Amino acid sequence: MADIKQENGRFYIGNSDQPDAEVTFTESDDIVIEHTMVIEDKQGAGIGKQLIDRVVDYAKKQEKQIVPVCTFAHEILSTDKKYDGVWEGPL
């Protein structure tokens, strides 16, 4: 598992200023996943899914629902039943 760090409104891997991967979100009544990015040479290793899983864990702790505006997040959340009940869909 990658070393995932948290800052306000994002989880990321690598350097804070130029991360290797990140997921950004806004938070109010829900957690809105806005964008997921993984640099090209790290794609295909499951890092994006690890970031989404971290947002899911965070949402559960906050007792909030996820609204996936990001198409990657929507695809991950909508294709695995383990995410049922934690996100609001469809997009």
PDB file of N, CA and C in Angstrom:
ATOM      1  N   MET A   1       0.844  -1.189   0.000  1.00  0.00           N
ATOM      2  CA  MET A   1       0.000   0.000   0.000  1.00  0.00           C
ATOM      3  C   MET A   1       0.885   1.247   0.000  1.00  0.00           C
ATOM      4  N   ALA A   2       0.473   2.222  -0.747  1.00  0.00           N
ATOM      5  CA  ALA A   2       1.224   3.466  -0.868  1.00  0.00           C
ATOM      6  C   ALA A   2       1.110   4.291   0.412  1.00  0.00           C
ATOM      7  N   ASP A   3       2.079   5.168   0.630  1.00  0.00           N
ATOM      8  CA  ASP A   3       2.074   6.070   1.778  1.00  0.00           C
ATOM      9  C   ASP A   3       1.166   7.257   1.452  1.00  0.00           C
ATOM     10  N   ILE A   4      -0.086   7.168   1.884  1.00  0.00           N
ATOM     11  CA  ILE A   4      -1.085   8.188   1.563  1.00  0.00           C
ATOM     12  C   ILE A   4      -1.118   9.227   2.673  1.00  0.00           C
ATOM     13  N   LYS A   5      -0.988  10.482   2.277  1.00  0.00           N
ATOM     14  CA  LYS A   5      -1.007  11.597   3.223  1.00  0.00           C
ATOM     15  C   LYS A   5      -2.305  12.375   3.044  1.00  0.00           C
ATOM     16  N   GLN A   6      -2.673  13.128   4.089  1.00  0.00           N
ATOM     17  CA  GLN A   6      -3.906  13.915   4.033  1.00  0.00           C
ATOM     18  C   GLN A   6      -3.613  15.376   4.307  1.00  0.00           C
ATOM     19  N   GLU A   7      -4.231  16.232   3.533  1.00  0.00           N
ATOM     20  CA  GLU A   7      -4.289  17.669   3.779  1.00  0.00           C
ATOM     21  C   GLU A   7      -5.738  18.074   3.605  1.00  0.00           C
ATOM     22  N   ASN A   8      -6.065  19.292   3.958  1.00  0.00           N
ATOM     23  CA  ASN A   8      -7.441  19.759   3.799  1.00  0.00           C
ATOM     24  C   ASN A   8      -7.921  19.540   2.375  1.00  0.00           C
ATOM     25  N   GLY A   9      -8.966  18.751   2.235  1.00  0.00           N
ATOM     26  CA  GLY A   9      -9.594  18.564   0.942  1.00  0.00           C
ATOM     27  C   GLY A   9      -8.875  17.652  -0.026  1.00  0.00           C
ATOM     28  N   ARG A  10      -7.903  16.878   0.458  1.00  0.00           N
ATOM     29  CA  ARG A  10      -7.246  15.947  -0.454  1.00  0.00           C
ATOM     30  C   ARG A  10      -6.463  14.872   0.289  1.00  0.00           C
ATOM     31  N   PHE A  11      -6.304  13.758  -0.397  1.00  0.00           N
ATOM     32  CA  PHE A  11      -5.372  12.710  -0.020  1.00  0.00           C
ATOM     33  C   PHE A  11      -4.392  12.617  -1.175  1.00  0.00           C
ATOM     34  N   TYR A  12      -3.118  12.383  -0.870  1.00  0.00           N
ATOM     35  CA  TYR A  12      -2.129  12.360  -1.939  1.00  0.00           C
ATOM     36  C   TYR A  12      -0.964  11.440  -1.601  1.00  0.00           C
ATOM     37  N   ILE A  13      -0.189  11.125  -2.634  1.00  0.00           N
ATOM     38  CA  ILE A  13       1.017  10.313  -2.517  1.00  0.00           C
ATOM     39  C   ILE A  13       2.157  11.117  -3.115  1.00  0.00           C
ATOM     40  N   GLY A  14       3.287  11.127  -2.432  1.00  0.00           N
ATOM     41  CA  GLY A  14       4.453  11.845  -2.934  1.00  0.00           C
ATOM     42  C   GLY A  14       4.577  13.216  -2.306  1.00  0.00           C
ATOM     43  N   ASN A  15       5.142  14.136  -3.059  1.00  0.00           N
ATOM     44  CA  ASN A  15       5.399  15.492  -2.609  1.00  0.00           C
ATOM     45  C   ASN A  15       4.103  16.299  -2.580  1.00  0.00           C
ATOM     46  N   SER A  16       3.927  17.085  -1.549  1.00  0.00           N
ATOM     47  CA  SER A  16       2.714  17.899  -1.411  1.00  0.00           C
ATOM     48  C   SER A  16       2.531  18.870  -2.580  1.00  0.00           C
ATOM     49  N   ASP A  17       3.637  19.466  -3.042  1.00  0.00           N
ATOM     50  CA  ASP A  17       3.554  20.460  -4.116  1.00  0.00           C
ATOM     51  C   ASP A  17       3.335  19.837  -5.493  1.00  0.00           C
ATOM     52  N   GLN A  18       3.923  18.672  -5.722  1.00  0.00           N
ATOM     53  CA  GLN A  18       3.767  17.967  -6.998  1.00  0.00           C
ATOM     54  C   GLN A  18       3.565  16.482  -6.702  1.00  0.00           C
ATOM     55  N   PRO A  19       2.357  16.122  -6.294  1.00  0.00           N
ATOM     56  CA  PRO A  19       2.115  14.729  -5.901  1.00  0.00           C
ATOM     57  C   PRO A  19       2.179  13.764  -7.083  1.00  0.00           C
ATOM     58  N   ASP A  20       2.524  12.515  -6.757  1.00  0.00           N
ATOM     59  CA  ASP A  20       2.484  11.451  -7.764  1.00  0.00           C
ATOM     60  C   ASP A  20       1.044  11.049  -8.053  1.00  0.00           C
ATOM     61  N   ALA A  21       0.191  11.231  -7.053  1.00  0.00           N
ATOM     62  CA  ALA A  21      -1.233  10.905  -7.194  1.00  0.00           C
ATOM     63  C   ALA A  21      -2.004  11.677  -6.138  1.00  0.00           C
ATOM     64  N   GLU A  22      -3.248  12.036  -6.462  1.00  0.00           N
ATOM     65  CA  GLU A  22      -4.080  12.707  -5.466  1.00  0.00           C
ATOM     66  C   GLU A  22      -5.550  12.571  -5.817  1.00  0.00           C
ATOM     67  N   VAL A  23      -6.362  12.678  -4.781  1.00  0.00           N
ATOM     68  CA  VAL A  23      -7.804  12.789  -4.941  1.00  0.00           C
ATOM     69  C   VAL A  23      -8.210  14.039  -4.165  1.00  0.00           C
ATOM     70  N   THR A  24      -8.985  14.907  -4.808  1.00  0.00           N
ATOM     71  CA  THR A  24      -9.428  16.135  -4.155  1.00  0.00           C
ATOM     72  C   THR A  24     -10.929  16.070  -3.927  1.00  0.00           C
ATOM     73  N   PHE A  25     -11.356  16.712  -2.830  1.00  0.00           N
ATOM     74  CA  PHE A  25     -12.771  16.686  -2.481  1.00  0.00           C
ATOM     75  C   PHE A  25     -13.137  17.929  -1.694  1.00  0.00           C
ATOM     76  N   THR A  26     -14.427  18.251  -1.718  1.00  0.00           N
ATOM     77  CA  THR A  26     -14.969  19.290  -0.851  1.00  0.00           C
ATOM     78  C   THR A  26     -15.887  18.607   0.144  1.00  0.00           C
ATOM     79  N   GLU A  27     -16.047  19.251   1.269  1.00  0.00           N
ATOM     80  CA  GLU A  27     -16.810  18.632   2.343  1.00  0.00           C
ATOM     81  C   GLU A  27     -17.790  19.625   2.937  1.00  0.00           C
ATOM     82  N   SER A  28     -19.045  19.208   2.997  1.00  0.00           N
ATOM     83  CA  SER A  28     -20.087  19.942   3.716  1.00  0.00           C
ATOM     84  C   SER A  28     -20.986  18.878   4.319  1.00  0.00           C
ATOM     85  N   ASP A  29     -22.250  18.813   3.899  1.00  0.00           N
ATOM     86  CA  ASP A  29     -23.109  17.722   4.369  1.00  0.00           C
ATOM     87  C   ASP A  29     -22.647  16.391   3.793  1.00  0.00           C
ATOM     88  N   ASP A  30     -22.085  16.436   2.596  1.00  0.00           N
ATOM     89  CA  ASP A  30     -21.547  15.267   1.906  1.00  0.00           C
ATOM     90  C   ASP A  30     -20.073  15.511   1.607  1.00  0.00           C
ATOM     91  N   ILE A  31     -19.417  14.483   1.103  1.00  0.00           N
ATOM     92  CA  ILE A  31     -18.052  14.609   0.606  1.00  0.00           C
ATOM     93  C   ILE A  31     -18.127  14.464  -0.909  1.00  0.00           C
ATOM     94  N   VAL A  32     -17.781  15.530  -1.610  1.00  0.00           N
ATOM     95  CA  VAL A  32     -17.856  15.554  -3.067  1.00  0.00           C
ATOM     96  C   VAL A  32     -16.454  15.314  -3.625  1.00  0.00           C
ATOM     97  N   ILE A  33     -16.253  14.142  -4.238  1.00  0.00           N
ATOM     98  CA  ILE A  33     -14.965  13.852  -4.870  1.00  0.00           C
ATOM     99  C   ILE A  33     -14.947  14.574  -6.210  1.00  0.00           C
ATOM    100  N   GLU A  34     -14.011  15.510  -6.342  1.00  0.00           N
ATOM    101  CA  GLU A  34     -13.953  16.359  -7.526  1.00  0.00           C
ATOM    102  C   GLU A  34     -12.987  15.863  -8.590  1.00  0.00           C
ATOM    103  N   HIS A  35     -11.861  15.286  -8.170  1.00  0.00           N
ATOM    104  CA  HIS A  35     -10.817  14.953  -9.147  1.00  0.00           C
ATOM    105  C   HIS A  35      -9.892  13.882  -8.582  1.00  0.00           C
ATOM    106  N   THR A  36      -9.478  12.986  -9.439  1.00  0.00           N
ATOM    107  CA  THR A  36      -8.464  11.988  -9.096  1.00  0.00           C
ATOM    108  C   THR A  36      -7.393  12.032 -10.174  1.00  0.00           C
ATOM    109  N   MET A  37      -6.123  12.034  -9.750  1.00  0.00           N
ATOM    110  CA  MET A  37      -5.008  12.124 -10.686  1.00  0.00           C
ATOM    111  C   MET A  37      -3.906  11.174 -10.239  1.00  0.00           C
ATOM    112  N   VAL A  38      -3.346  10.441 -11.192  1.00  0.00           N
ATOM    113  CA  VAL A  38      -2.168   9.601 -10.966  1.00  0.00           C
ATOM    114  C   VAL A  38      -1.212   9.872 -12.126  1.00  0.00           C
ATOM    115  N   ILE A  39       0.057  10.181 -11.808  1.00  0.00           N
ATOM    116  CA  ILE A  39       1.003  10.444 -12.895  1.00  0.00           C
ATOM    117  C   ILE A  39       1.151   9.199 -13.763  1.00  0.00           C
ATOM    118  N   GLU A  40       1.505   9.434 -15.003  1.00  0.00           N
ATOM    119  CA  GLU A  40       1.477   8.372 -16.014  1.00  0.00           C
ATOM    120  C   GLU A  40       2.288   7.134 -15.628  1.00  0.00           C
ATOM    121  N   ASP A  41       3.497   7.314 -15.101  1.00  0.00           N
ATOM    122  CA  ASP A  41       4.325   6.137 -14.819  1.00  0.00           C
ATOM    123  C   ASP A  41       3.884   5.356 -13.585  1.00  0.00           C
ATOM    124  N   LYS A  42       2.881   5.844 -12.859  1.00  0.00           N
ATOM    125  CA  LYS A  42       2.336   5.120 -11.702  1.00  0.00           C
ATOM    126  C   LYS A  42       0.943   4.555 -11.991  1.00  0.00           C
ATOM    127  N   GLN A  43       0.401   4.846 -13.172  1.00  0.00           N
ATOM    128  CA  GLN A  43      -0.936   4.361 -13.511  1.00  0.00           C
ATOM    129  C   GLN A  43      -0.940   2.848 -13.682  1.00  0.00           C
ATOM    130  N   GLY A  44      -2.066   2.245 -13.368  1.00  0.00           N
ATOM    131  CA  GLY A  44      -2.220   0.806 -13.519  1.00  0.00           C
ATOM    132  C   GLY A  44      -1.784  -0.003 -12.314  1.00  0.00           C
ATOM    133  N   ALA A  45      -1.324   0.667 -11.259  1.00  0.00           N
ATOM    134  CA  ALA A  45      -0.849  -0.022 -10.058  1.00  0.00           C
ATOM    135  C   ALA A  45      -1.889  -0.029  -8.943  1.00  0.00           C
ATOM    136  N   GLY A  46      -3.090   0.501  -9.215  1.00  0.00           N
ATOM    137  CA  GLY A  46      -4.145   0.515  -8.208  1.00  0.00           C
ATOM    138  C   GLY A  46      -4.077   1.675  -7.234  1.00  0.00           C
ATOM    139  N   ILE A  47      -3.216   2.649  -7.504  1.00  0.00           N
ATOM    140  CA  ILE A  47      -3.055   3.781  -6.587  1.00  0.00           C
ATOM    141  C   ILE A  47      -4.310   4.642  -6.543  1.00  0.00           C
ATOM    142  N   GLY A  48      -4.930   4.878  -7.688  1.00  0.00           N
ATOM    143  CA  GLY A  48      -6.163   5.671  -7.709  1.00  0.00           C
ATOM    144  C   GLY A  48      -7.242   5.035  -6.851  1.00  0.00           C
ATOM    145  N   LYS A  49      -7.384   3.725  -6.935  1.00  0.00           N
ATOM    146  CA  LYS A  49      -8.374   3.014  -6.122  1.00  0.00           C
ATOM    147  C   LYS A  49      -8.026   3.111  -4.642  1.00  0.00           C
ATOM    148  N   GLN A  50      -6.736   3.047  -4.304  1.00  0.00           N
ATOM    149  CA  GLN A  50      -6.324   3.200  -2.909  1.00  0.00           C
ATOM    150  C   GLN A  50      -6.728   4.573  -2.372  1.00  0.00           C
ATOM    151  N   LEU A  51      -6.591   5.593  -3.205  1.00  0.00           N
ATOM    152  CA  LEU A  51      -6.994   6.939  -2.793  1.00  0.00           C
ATOM    153  C   LEU A  51      -8.504   7.016  -2.573  1.00  0.00           C
ATOM    154  N   ILE A  52      -9.273   6.413  -3.476  1.00  0.00           N
ATOM    155  CA  ILE A  52     -10.730   6.394  -3.317  1.00  0.00           C
ATOM    156  C   ILE A  52     -11.100   5.641  -2.039  1.00  0.00           C
ATOM    157  N   ASP A  53     -10.438   4.520  -1.781  1.00  0.00           N
ATOM    158  CA  ASP A  53     -10.695   3.766  -0.549  1.00  0.00           C
ATOM    159  C   ASP A  53     -10.422   4.609   0.688  1.00  0.00           C
ATOM    160  N   ARG A  54      -9.396   5.443   0.630  1.00  0.00           N
ATOM    161  CA  ARG A  54      -9.084   6.308   1.770  1.00  0.00           C
ATOM    162  C   ARG A  54     -10.188   7.337   1.981  1.00  0.00           C
ATOM    163  N   VAL A  55     -10.737   7.882   0.893  1.00  0.00           N
ATOM    164  CA  VAL A  55     -11.866   8.813   1.020  1.00  0.00           C
ATOM    165  C   VAL A  55     -13.076   8.083   1.597  1.00  0.00           C
ATOM    166  N   VAL A  56     -13.315   6.850   1.176  1.00  0.00           N
ATOM    167  CA  VAL A  56     -14.430   6.055   1.701  1.00  0.00           C
ATOM    168  C   VAL A  56     -14.272   5.860   3.206  1.00  0.00           C
ATOM    169  N   ASP A  57     -13.080   5.486   3.656  1.00  0.00           N
ATOM    170  CA  ASP A  57     -12.832   5.318   5.094  1.00  0.00           C
ATOM    171  C   ASP A  57     -13.078   6.623   5.843  1.00  0.00           C
ATOM    172  N   TYR A  58     -12.601   7.722   5.275  1.00  0.00           N
ATOM    173  CA  TYR A  58     -12.786   9.042   5.878  1.00  0.00           C
ATOM    174  C   TYR A  58     -14.272   9.388   5.969  1.00  0.00           C
ATOM    175  N   ALA A  59     -15.013   9.140   4.899  1.00  0.00           N
ATOM    176  CA  ALA A  59     -16.449   9.437   4.876  1.00  0.00           C
ATOM    177  C   ALA A  59     -17.188   8.627   5.936  1.00  0.00           C
ATOM    178  N   LYS A  60     -16.834   7.368   6.077  1.00  0.00           N
ATOM    179  CA  LYS A  60     -17.480   6.523   7.090  1.00  0.00           C
ATOM    180  C   LYS A  60     -17.223   7.060   8.490  1.00  0.00           C
ATOM    181  N   LYS A  61     -15.987   7.483   8.764  1.00  0.00           N
ATOM    182  CA  LYS A  61     -15.656   8.043  10.081  1.00  0.00           C
ATOM    183  C   LYS A  61     -16.424   9.332  10.341  1.00  0.00           C
ATOM    184  N   GLN A  62     -16.641  10.116   9.282  1.00  0.00           N
ATOM    185  CA  GLN A  62     -17.371  11.378   9.407  1.00  0.00           C
ATOM    186  C   GLN A  62     -18.884  11.177   9.324  1.00  0.00           C
ATOM    187  N   GLU A  63     -19.302   9.932   9.056  1.00  0.00           N
ATOM    188  CA  GLU A  63     -20.714   9.586   8.868  1.00  0.00           C
ATOM    189  C   GLU A  63     -21.349  10.435   7.769  1.00  0.00           C
ATOM    190  N   LYS A  64     -20.644  10.516   6.638  1.00  0.00           N
ATOM    191  CA  LYS A  64     -21.105  11.300   5.495  1.00  0.00           C
ATOM    192  C   LYS A  64     -21.180  10.421   4.261  1.00  0.00           C
ATOM    193  N   GLN A  65     -21.978  10.850   3.306  1.00  0.00           N
ATOM    194  CA  GLN A  65     -22.102  10.187   2.012  1.00  0.00           C
ATOM    195  C   GLN A  65     -21.114  10.817   1.036  1.00  0.00           C
ATOM    196  N   ILE A  66     -20.715  10.039   0.060  1.00  0.00           N
ATOM    197  CA  ILE A  66     -19.826  10.523  -0.994  1.00  0.00           C
ATOM    198  C   ILE A  66     -20.651  10.810  -2.245  1.00  0.00           C
ATOM    199  N   VAL A  67     -20.370  11.947  -2.854  1.00  0.00           N
ATOM    200  CA  VAL A  67     -20.949  12.301  -4.150  1.00  0.00           C
ATOM    201  C   VAL A  67     -19.779  12.348  -5.136  1.00  0.00           C
ATOM    202  N   PRO A  68     -19.688  11.371  -6.040  1.00  0.00           N
ATOM    203  CA  PRO A  68     -18.551  11.321  -6.959  1.00  0.00           C
ATOM    204  C   PRO A  68     -18.785  12.131  -8.236  1.00  0.00           C
ATOM    205  N   VAL A  69     -18.297  13.358  -8.265  1.00  0.00           N
ATOM    206  CA  VAL A  69     -18.355  14.171  -9.477  1.00  0.00           C
ATOM    207  C   VAL A  69     -17.276  13.696 -10.453  1.00  0.00           C
ATOM    208  N   CYS A  70     -16.167  13.265  -9.926  1.00  0.00           N
ATOM    209  CA  CYS A  70     -15.065  12.707 -10.716  1.00  0.00           C
ATOM    210  C   CYS A  70     -15.510  11.395 -11.355  1.00  0.00           C
ATOM    211  N   THR A  71     -15.319  11.269 -12.665  1.00  0.00           N
ATOM    212  CA  THR A  71     -15.771  10.060 -13.362  1.00  0.00           C
ATOM    213  C   THR A  71     -15.013   8.811 -12.915  1.00  0.00           C
ATOM    214  N   PHE A  72     -13.734   8.936 -12.599  1.00  0.00           N
ATOM    215  CA  PHE A  72     -12.972   7.783 -12.107  1.00  0.00           C
ATOM    216  C   PHE A  72     -13.550   7.297 -10.784  1.00  0.00           C
ATOM    217  N   ALA A  73     -13.803   8.223  -9.856  1.00  0.00           N
ATOM    218  CA  ALA A  73     -14.381   7.849  -8.562  1.00  0.00           C
ATOM    219  C   ALA A  73     -15.746   7.204  -8.751  1.00  0.00           C
ATOM    220  N   HIS A  74     -16.549   7.763  -9.644  1.00  0.00           N
ATOM    221  CA  HIS A  74     -17.873   7.199  -9.913  1.00  0.00           C
ATOM    222  C   HIS A  74     -17.751   5.770 -10.423  1.00  0.00           C
ATOM    223  N   GLU A  75     -16.816   5.537 -11.334  1.00  0.00           N
ATOM    224  CA  GLU A  75     -16.619   4.193 -11.879  1.00  0.00           C
ATOM    225  C   GLU A  75     -16.222   3.203 -10.780  1.00  0.00           C
ATOM    226  N   ILE A  76     -15.301   3.594  -9.924  1.00  0.00           N
ATOM    227  CA  ILE A  76     -14.852   2.709  -8.839  1.00  0.00           C
ATOM    228  C   ILE A  76     -16.005   2.414  -7.885  1.00  0.00           C
ATOM    229  N   LEU A  77     -16.715   3.452  -7.457  1.00  0.00           N
ATOM    230  CA  LEU A  77     -17.780   3.285  -6.465  1.00  0.00           C
ATOM    231  C   LEU A  77     -18.975   2.513  -7.016  1.00  0.00           C
ATOM    232  N   SER A  78     -19.252   2.668  -8.299  1.00  0.00           N
ATOM    233  CA  SER A  78     -20.453   2.051  -8.870  1.00  0.00           C
ATOM    234  C   SER A  78     -20.249   0.607  -9.313  1.00  0.00           C
ATOM    235  N   THR A  79     -19.012   0.140  -9.360  1.00  0.00           N
ATOM    236  CA  THR A  79     -18.767  -1.207  -9.876  1.00  0.00           C
ATOM    237  C   THR A  79     -18.421  -2.232  -8.803  1.00  0.00           C
ATOM    238  N   ASP A  80     -18.450  -1.835  -7.538  1.00  0.00           N
ATOM    239  CA  ASP A  80     -18.133  -2.782  -6.465  1.00  0.00           C
ATOM    240  C   ASP A  80     -19.157  -2.618  -5.346  1.00  0.00           C
ATOM    241  N   LYS A  81     -19.859  -3.689  -5.048  1.00  0.00           N
ATOM    242  CA  LYS A  81     -20.925  -3.637  -4.046  1.00  0.00           C
ATOM    243  C   LYS A  81     -20.421  -3.279  -2.652  1.00  0.00           C
ATOM    244  N   LYS A  82     -19.120  -3.418  -2.396  1.00  0.00           N
ATOM    245  CA  LYS A  82     -18.608  -3.078  -1.065  1.00  0.00           C
ATOM    246  C   LYS A  82     -18.785  -1.590  -0.756  1.00  0.00           C
ATOM    247  N   TYR A  83     -19.019  -0.783  -1.785  1.00  0.00           N
ATOM    248  CA  TYR A  83     -19.217   0.651  -1.585  1.00  0.00           C
ATOM    249  C   TYR A  83     -20.690   1.030  -1.435  1.00  0.00           C
ATOM    250  N   ASP A  84     -21.593   0.075  -1.584  1.00  0.00           N
ATOM    251  CA  ASP A  84     -23.021   0.371  -1.442  1.00  0.00           C
ATOM    252  C   ASP A  84     -23.287   0.994  -0.075  1.00  0.00           C
ATOM    253  N   GLY A  85     -24.095   2.042  -0.075  1.00  0.00           N
ATOM    254  CA  GLY A  85     -24.470   2.698   1.170  1.00  0.00           C
ATOM    255  C   GLY A  85     -23.565   3.840   1.580  1.00  0.00           C
ATOM    256  N   VAL A  86     -22.439   4.017   0.895  1.00  0.00           N
ATOM    257  CA  VAL A  86     -21.532   5.098   1.267  1.00  0.00           C
ATOM    258  C   VAL A  86     -21.485   6.211   0.220  1.00  0.00           C
ATOM    259  N   TRP A  87     -22.089   5.950  -0.949  1.00  0.00           N
ATOM    260  CA  TRP A  87     -22.050   6.972  -1.991  1.00  0.00           C
ATOM    261  C   TRP A  87     -23.430   7.198  -2.578  1.00  0.00           C
ATOM    262  N   GLU A  88     -23.588   8.394  -3.159  1.00  0.00           N
ATOM    263  CA  GLU A  88     -24.846   8.772  -3.790  1.00  0.00           C
ATOM    264  C   GLU A  88     -24.640   8.805  -5.296  1.00  0.00           C
ATOM    265  N   GLY A  89     -25.435   8.074  -6.016  1.00  0.00           N
ATOM    266  CA  GLY A  89     -25.330   8.034  -7.469  1.00  0.00           C
ATOM    267  C   GLY A  89     -26.726   8.057  -8.045  1.00  0.00           C
ATOM    268  N   PRO A  90     -26.900   8.059  -9.315  1.00  0.00           N
ATOM    269  CA  PRO A  90     -25.851   8.087 -10.327  1.00  0.00           C
ATOM    270  C   PRO A  90     -25.292   9.476 -10.535  1.00  0.00           C
ATOM    271  N   LEU A  91     -24.259   9.535 -11.367  1.00  0.00           N
ATOM    272  CA  LEU A  91     -23.610  10.799 -11.668  1.00  0.00           C
ATOM    273  C   LEU A  91     -24.570  11.726 -12.380  1.00  0.00           C
TER     274      LEU A  91
END
